[in-house]
Amino acid sequence: MTDATPAEPLPPLVVDAMMLHHFAKADRLDVLGACVSTMSTTHVVATEVDKYTNAYPSLRSITDLEWLRILSLDTDEELLAFVTWVDLLGAGEHNLGEASVFAAAEIHRLIAITDDRDATKVGRTRGLEVHGTVWLLTRLHRLGKMTLVEISGHVDALRHTGMRLPCTGRDLCRWARERGLL
């Protein structure tokens, strides 16, 4: 690690389906799990991702992942927050996962992880801390859990699955440094 100041520990996170789906598609869920002690998602997201269990051998069911906590969002406060985020995101069926992640982030004071740019803008406008997959990977690097070579490889593997990320593995260091992530 080259940073002069140590990175803060990984804060509590809640992730959307896109990240979990693409890590599964790239056969990298085990790598993600090895680098985080715990991470949360919602029951809505778990249901979305579990639709793909037959397509990806590494994805039995995300409910089976010991390191992934599934939040049910069933209290009145959680349900009201979910309804509000559905309205804010214009969710219909398309953004229900993001709406559930943002409700969980708001109620439980978690950092939301999504690579949906439109949802990110709405979340940040409403005061949520929202980041994407590359932020998470660079944070894991700063914590000494992955090397730059490893996170660059993960970025390329995720892009190969069709995930839209803001940089390639080759451009990761420059892109991340320009944004203060490394």
C-alpha atoms as a PDB file:
ATOM      1  CA  MET A   1       0.000   0.000   0.000  1.00  0.00           C
ATOM      2  CA  THR A   2       1.400   3.389  -0.944  1.00  0.00           C
ATOM      3  CA  ASP A   3      -0.958   5.730   0.892  1.00  0.00           C
ATOM      4  CA  ALA A   4       0.731   7.825   3.574  1.00  0.00           C
ATOM      5  CA  THR A   5      -2.386   7.797   5.745  1.00  0.00           C
ATOM      6  CA  PRO A   6      -4.197   4.587   6.592  1.00  0.00           C
ATOM      7  CA  ALA A   7      -7.631   4.126   5.054  1.00  0.00           C
ATOM      8  CA  GLU A   8     -10.664   4.197   7.272  1.00  0.00           C
ATOM      9  CA  PRO A   9     -12.228   0.767   7.767  1.00  0.00           C
ATOM     10  CA  LEU A  10     -14.826  -0.377   5.286  1.00  0.00           C
ATOM     11  CA  PRO A  11     -18.095   1.248   6.361  1.00  0.00           C
ATOM     12  CA  PRO A  12     -21.358  -0.716   6.516  1.00  0.00           C
ATOM     13  CA  LEU A  13     -22.613  -1.203   2.958  1.00  0.00           C
ATOM     14  CA  VAL A  14     -25.838  -2.177   1.237  1.00  0.00           C
ATOM     15  CA  VAL A  15     -25.486  -3.342  -2.388  1.00  0.00           C
ATOM     16  CA  ASP A  16     -27.802  -3.623  -5.339  1.00  0.00           C
ATOM     17  CA  ALA A  17     -28.430  -6.492  -7.710  1.00  0.00           C
ATOM     18  CA  MET A  18     -26.182  -5.237 -10.510  1.00  0.00           C
ATOM     19  CA  MET A  19     -22.980  -5.606  -8.532  1.00  0.00           C
ATOM     20  CA  LEU A  20     -23.881  -9.009  -7.065  1.00  0.00           C
ATOM     21  CA  HIS A  21     -25.134 -10.289 -10.418  1.00  0.00           C
ATOM     22  CA  HIS A  22     -21.962  -9.302 -12.272  1.00  0.00           C
ATOM     23  CA  PHE A  23     -19.631 -10.620  -9.562  1.00  0.00           C
ATOM     24  CA  ALA A  24     -21.521 -13.931  -9.837  1.00  0.00           C
ATOM     25  CA  LYS A  25     -21.392 -13.842 -13.627  1.00  0.00           C
ATOM     26  CA  ALA A  26     -17.610 -13.281 -13.445  1.00  0.00           C
ATOM     27  CA  ASP A  27     -17.340 -16.124 -10.900  1.00  0.00           C
ATOM     28  CA  ARG A  28     -15.904 -13.668  -8.338  1.00  0.00           C
ATOM     29  CA  LEU A  29     -18.449 -13.728  -5.491  1.00  0.00           C
ATOM     30  CA  ASP A  30     -15.997 -15.742  -3.400  1.00  0.00           C
ATOM     31  CA  VAL A  31     -13.352 -13.036  -3.873  1.00  0.00           C
ATOM     32  CA  LEU A  32     -15.789 -10.342  -2.794  1.00  0.00           C
ATOM     33  CA  GLY A  33     -16.820 -12.372   0.241  1.00  0.00           C
ATOM     34  CA  ALA A  34     -13.203 -12.955   1.234  1.00  0.00           C
ATOM     35  CA  CYS A  35     -12.556  -9.195   1.264  1.00  0.00           C
ATOM     36  CA  VAL A  36     -15.568  -8.003   3.236  1.00  0.00           C
ATOM     37  CA  SER A  37     -16.471  -9.218   6.677  1.00  0.00           C
ATOM     38  CA  THR A  38     -20.105  -8.369   6.146  1.00  0.00           C
ATOM     39  CA  MET A  39     -22.214  -6.630   3.563  1.00  0.00           C
ATOM     40  CA  SER A  40     -25.953  -6.141   3.305  1.00  0.00           C
ATOM     41  CA  THR A  41     -28.520  -6.251   0.565  1.00  0.00           C
ATOM     42  CA  THR A  42     -32.287  -6.385   0.605  1.00  0.00           C
ATOM     43  CA  HIS A  43     -34.823  -9.140   0.130  1.00  0.00           C
ATOM     44  CA  VAL A  44     -35.936  -7.374  -3.071  1.00  0.00           C
ATOM     45  CA  VAL A  45     -32.379  -7.552  -4.444  1.00  0.00           C
ATOM     46  CA  ALA A  46     -31.954 -11.171  -3.314  1.00  0.00           C
ATOM     47  CA  THR A  47     -35.092 -12.112  -5.225  1.00  0.00           C
ATOM     48  CA  GLU A  48     -33.814 -10.295  -8.341  1.00  0.00           C
ATOM     49  CA  VAL A  49     -30.392 -11.981  -8.224  1.00  0.00           C
ATOM     50  CA  ASP A  50     -31.774 -15.427  -7.412  1.00  0.00           C
ATOM     51  CA  LYS A  51     -33.550 -15.433 -10.791  1.00  0.00           C
ATOM     52  CA  TYR A  52     -30.108 -16.195 -12.261  1.00  0.00           C
ATOM     53  CA  THR A  53     -29.068 -19.111 -10.033  1.00  0.00           C
ATOM     54  CA  ASN A  54     -29.387 -21.662 -12.848  1.00  0.00           C
ATOM     55  CA  ALA A  55     -27.218 -19.597 -15.207  1.00  0.00           C
ATOM     56  CA  TYR A  56     -24.193 -19.159 -12.923  1.00  0.00           C
ATOM     57  CA  PRO A  57     -22.747 -22.130 -11.013  1.00  0.00           C
ATOM     58  CA  SER A  58     -21.109 -19.927  -8.378  1.00  0.00           C
ATOM     59  CA  LEU A  59     -24.480 -18.450  -7.502  1.00  0.00           C
ATOM     60  CA  ARG A  60     -26.492 -21.045  -5.638  1.00  0.00           C
ATOM     61  CA  SER A  61     -28.527 -18.434  -3.846  1.00  0.00           C
ATOM     62  CA  ILE A  62     -27.233 -15.232  -2.391  1.00  0.00           C
ATOM     63  CA  THR A  63     -29.203 -16.044   0.722  1.00  0.00           C
ATOM     64  CA  ASP A  64     -26.629 -18.828   1.281  1.00  0.00           C
ATOM     65  CA  LEU A  65     -23.682 -16.410   1.398  1.00  0.00           C
ATOM     66  CA  GLU A  66     -22.526 -16.177   5.017  1.00  0.00           C
ATOM     67  CA  TRP A  67     -21.007 -12.725   4.555  1.00  0.00           C
ATOM     68  CA  LEU A  68     -24.154 -11.208   2.989  1.00  0.00           C
ATOM     69  CA  ARG A  69     -26.884 -10.046   5.339  1.00  0.00           C
ATOM     70  CA  ILE A  70     -30.380  -9.896   3.783  1.00  0.00           C
ATOM     71  CA  LEU A  71     -32.524  -7.027   5.059  1.00  0.00           C
ATOM     72  CA  SER A  72     -36.253  -7.676   4.794  1.00  0.00           C
ATOM     73  CA  LEU A  73     -37.485  -4.065   5.037  1.00  0.00           C
ATOM     74  CA  ASP A  74     -40.677  -4.985   6.825  1.00  0.00           C
ATOM     75  CA  THR A  75     -41.069  -2.369   9.565  1.00  0.00           C
ATOM     76  CA  ASP A  76     -43.421   0.552   8.993  1.00  0.00           C
ATOM     77  CA  GLU A  77     -40.475   2.954   8.814  1.00  0.00           C
ATOM     78  CA  GLU A  78     -38.669   0.765   6.247  1.00  0.00           C
ATOM     79  CA  LEU A  79     -41.788   0.279   4.132  1.00  0.00           C
ATOM     80  CA  LEU A  80     -42.531   4.020   4.084  1.00  0.00           C
ATOM     81  CA  ALA A  81     -38.948   4.752   3.071  1.00  0.00           C
ATOM     82  CA  PHE A  82     -39.174   2.104   0.322  1.00  0.00           C
ATOM     83  CA  VAL A  83     -42.395   3.627  -1.061  1.00  0.00           C
ATOM     84  CA  THR A  84     -40.777   7.076  -1.024  1.00  0.00           C
ATOM     85  CA  TRP A  85     -37.708   5.811  -2.923  1.00  0.00           C
ATOM     86  CA  VAL A  86     -39.910   3.964  -5.435  1.00  0.00           C
ATOM     87  CA  ASP A  87     -41.589   7.303  -6.172  1.00  0.00           C
ATOM     88  CA  LEU A  88     -38.309   9.241  -6.282  1.00  0.00           C
ATOM     89  CA  LEU A  89     -36.675   6.763  -8.662  1.00  0.00           C
ATOM     90  CA  GLY A  90     -39.789   6.290 -10.780  1.00  0.00           C
ATOM     91  CA  ALA A  91     -39.184   2.655 -10.057  1.00  0.00           C
ATOM     92  CA  GLY A  92     -41.949   0.640 -11.594  1.00  0.00           C
ATOM     93  CA  GLU A  93     -40.367  -2.810 -11.806  1.00  0.00           C
ATOM     94  CA  HIS A  94     -37.040  -1.532 -13.140  1.00  0.00           C
ATOM     95  CA  ASN A  95     -35.558   0.197 -10.082  1.00  0.00           C
ATOM     96  CA  LEU A  96     -37.196  -1.667  -7.213  1.00  0.00           C
ATOM     97  CA  GLY A  97     -33.850  -3.065  -6.125  1.00  0.00           C
ATOM     98  CA  GLU A  98     -32.246   0.383  -6.048  1.00  0.00           C
ATOM     99  CA  ALA A  99     -35.287   1.776  -4.186  1.00  0.00           C
ATOM    100  CA  SER A 100     -34.970  -0.974  -1.568  1.00  0.00           C
ATOM    101  CA  VAL A 101     -31.207  -0.394  -1.240  1.00  0.00           C
ATOM    102  CA  PHE A 102     -31.719   3.353  -0.802  1.00  0.00           C
ATOM    103  CA  ALA A 103     -34.468   2.771   1.793  1.00  0.00           C
ATOM    104  CA  ALA A 104     -32.132   0.455   3.720  1.00  0.00           C
ATOM    105  CA  ALA A 105     -29.271   2.959   3.420  1.00  0.00           C
ATOM    106  CA  GLU A 106     -31.461   5.762   4.714  1.00  0.00           C
ATOM    107  CA  ILE A 107     -33.030   3.880   7.623  1.00  0.00           C
ATOM    108  CA  HIS A 108     -29.973   1.895   8.744  1.00  0.00           C
ATOM    109  CA  ARG A 109     -27.343   4.556   7.924  1.00  0.00           C
ATOM    110  CA  LEU A 110     -25.549   2.408   5.382  1.00  0.00           C
ATOM    111  CA  ILE A 111     -23.593   3.396   2.300  1.00  0.00           C
ATOM    112  CA  ALA A 112     -25.405   2.388  -0.878  1.00  0.00           C
ATOM    113  CA  ILE A 113     -23.453   0.680  -3.650  1.00  0.00           C
ATOM    114  CA  THR A 114     -24.954   0.901  -7.132  1.00  0.00           C
ATOM    115  CA  ASP A 115     -23.588   1.522 -10.591  1.00  0.00           C
ATOM    116  CA  ASP A 116     -26.875   2.976 -11.831  1.00  0.00           C
ATOM    117  CA  ARG A 117     -25.903   6.580 -12.633  1.00  0.00           C
ATOM    118  CA  ASP A 118     -29.444   7.976 -12.608  1.00  0.00           C
ATOM    119  CA  ALA A 119     -30.257   6.353  -9.280  1.00  0.00           C
ATOM    120  CA  THR A 120     -26.931   7.562  -7.859  1.00  0.00           C
ATOM    121  CA  LYS A 121     -27.773  11.172  -8.778  1.00  0.00           C
ATOM    122  CA  VAL A 122     -31.181  10.927  -7.105  1.00  0.00           C
ATOM    123  CA  GLY A 123     -29.739   9.278  -3.987  1.00  0.00           C
ATOM    124  CA  ARG A 124     -26.983  11.840  -3.588  1.00  0.00           C
ATOM    125  CA  THR A 125     -29.420  14.714  -4.169  1.00  0.00           C
ATOM    126  CA  ARG A 126     -31.495  13.337  -1.283  1.00  0.00           C
ATOM    127  CA  GLY A 127     -28.456  13.148   1.014  1.00  0.00           C
ATOM    128  CA  LEU A 128     -27.447   9.488   0.760  1.00  0.00           C
ATOM    129  CA  GLU A 129     -23.844   8.414   0.454  1.00  0.00           C
ATOM    130  CA  VAL A 130     -23.841   6.405  -2.766  1.00  0.00           C
ATOM    131  CA  HIS A 131     -20.827   4.880  -4.509  1.00  0.00           C
ATOM    132  CA  GLY A 132     -20.144   2.348  -7.240  1.00  0.00           C
ATOM    133  CA  THR A 133     -18.227  -0.875  -7.649  1.00  0.00           C
ATOM    134  CA  VAL A 134     -14.942   0.839  -8.564  1.00  0.00           C
ATOM    135  CA  TRP A 135     -15.129   2.892  -5.344  1.00  0.00           C
ATOM    136  CA  LEU A 136     -15.570  -0.348  -3.384  1.00  0.00           C
ATOM    137  CA  LEU A 137     -12.653  -2.049  -5.143  1.00  0.00           C
ATOM    138  CA  THR A 138     -10.331   0.914  -4.584  1.00  0.00           C
ATOM    139  CA  ARG A 139     -11.423   1.041  -0.944  1.00  0.00           C
ATOM    140  CA  LEU A 140     -10.561  -2.655  -0.572  1.00  0.00           C
ATOM    141  CA  HIS A 141      -7.154  -1.888  -2.077  1.00  0.00           C
ATOM    142  CA  ARG A 142      -6.580   0.960   0.384  1.00  0.00           C
ATOM    143  CA  LEU A 143      -7.424  -1.458   3.191  1.00  0.00           C
ATOM    144  CA  GLY A 144      -4.752  -3.860   1.918  1.00  0.00           C
ATOM    145  CA  LYS A 145      -7.281  -6.520   0.920  1.00  0.00           C
ATOM    146  CA  MET A 146      -6.491  -6.391  -2.818  1.00  0.00           C
ATOM    147  CA  THR A 147      -3.577  -5.262  -4.933  1.00  0.00           C
ATOM    148  CA  LEU A 148      -3.929  -2.781  -7.795  1.00  0.00           C
ATOM    149  CA  VAL A 149      -3.293  -5.639 -10.211  1.00  0.00           C
ATOM    150  CA  GLU A 150      -6.147  -7.614  -8.630  1.00  0.00           C
ATOM    151  CA  ILE A 151      -8.659  -4.784  -8.708  1.00  0.00           C
ATOM    152  CA  SER A 152      -7.689  -3.971 -12.306  1.00  0.00           C
ATOM    153  CA  GLY A 153      -8.315  -7.621 -13.163  1.00  0.00           C
ATOM    154  CA  HIS A 154     -11.688  -7.537 -11.407  1.00  0.00           C
ATOM    155  CA  VAL A 155     -12.695  -4.410 -13.311  1.00  0.00           C
ATOM    156  CA  ASP A 156     -11.872  -6.117 -16.629  1.00  0.00           C
ATOM    157  CA  ALA A 157     -13.620  -9.345 -15.591  1.00  0.00           C
ATOM    158  CA  LEU A 158     -16.742  -7.409 -14.576  1.00  0.00           C
ATOM    159  CA  ARG A 159     -16.714  -5.385 -17.797  1.00  0.00           C
ATOM    160  CA  HIS A 160     -16.379  -8.655 -19.723  1.00  0.00           C
ATOM    161  CA  THR A 161     -19.717  -9.750 -18.207  1.00  0.00           C
ATOM    162  CA  GLY A 162     -21.358  -6.630 -19.639  1.00  0.00           C
ATOM    163  CA  MET A 163     -21.173  -4.496 -16.505  1.00  0.00           C
ATOM    164  CA  ARG A 164     -20.852  -0.828 -17.328  1.00  0.00           C
ATOM    165  CA  LEU A 165     -18.016   0.628 -15.285  1.00  0.00           C
ATOM    166  CA  PRO A 166     -16.435   4.074 -15.706  1.00  0.00           C
ATOM    167  CA  CYS A 167     -12.990   2.752 -16.640  1.00  0.00           C
ATOM    168  CA  THR A 168     -11.124  -0.304 -17.852  1.00  0.00           C
ATOM    169  CA  GLY A 169      -8.672  -2.197 -15.688  1.00  0.00           C
ATOM    170  CA  ARG A 170      -5.834  -0.592 -17.642  1.00  0.00           C
ATOM    171  CA  ASP A 171      -7.186   2.915 -16.959  1.00  0.00           C
ATOM    172  CA  LEU A 172      -8.215   2.219 -13.357  1.00  0.00           C
ATOM    173  CA  CYS A 173      -5.197   3.788 -11.601  1.00  0.00           C
ATOM    174  CA  ARG A 174      -5.352   7.028 -13.577  1.00  0.00           C
ATOM    175  CA  TRP A 175      -9.153   7.257 -13.307  1.00  0.00           C
ATOM    176  CA  ALA A 176      -9.165   6.528  -9.570  1.00  0.00           C
ATOM    177  CA  ARG A 177      -6.297   8.913  -8.789  1.00  0.00           C
ATOM    178  CA  GLU A 178      -8.036  11.744 -10.661  1.00  0.00           C
ATOM    179  CA  ARG A 179     -11.022  11.229  -8.357  1.00  0.00           C
ATOM    180  CA  GLY A 180      -9.040  10.863  -5.133  1.00  0.00           C
ATOM    181  CA  LEU A 181      -9.841   7.162  -4.727  1.00  0.00           C
ATOM    182  CA  LEU A 182      -6.205   6.031  -4.634  1.00  0.00           C
END
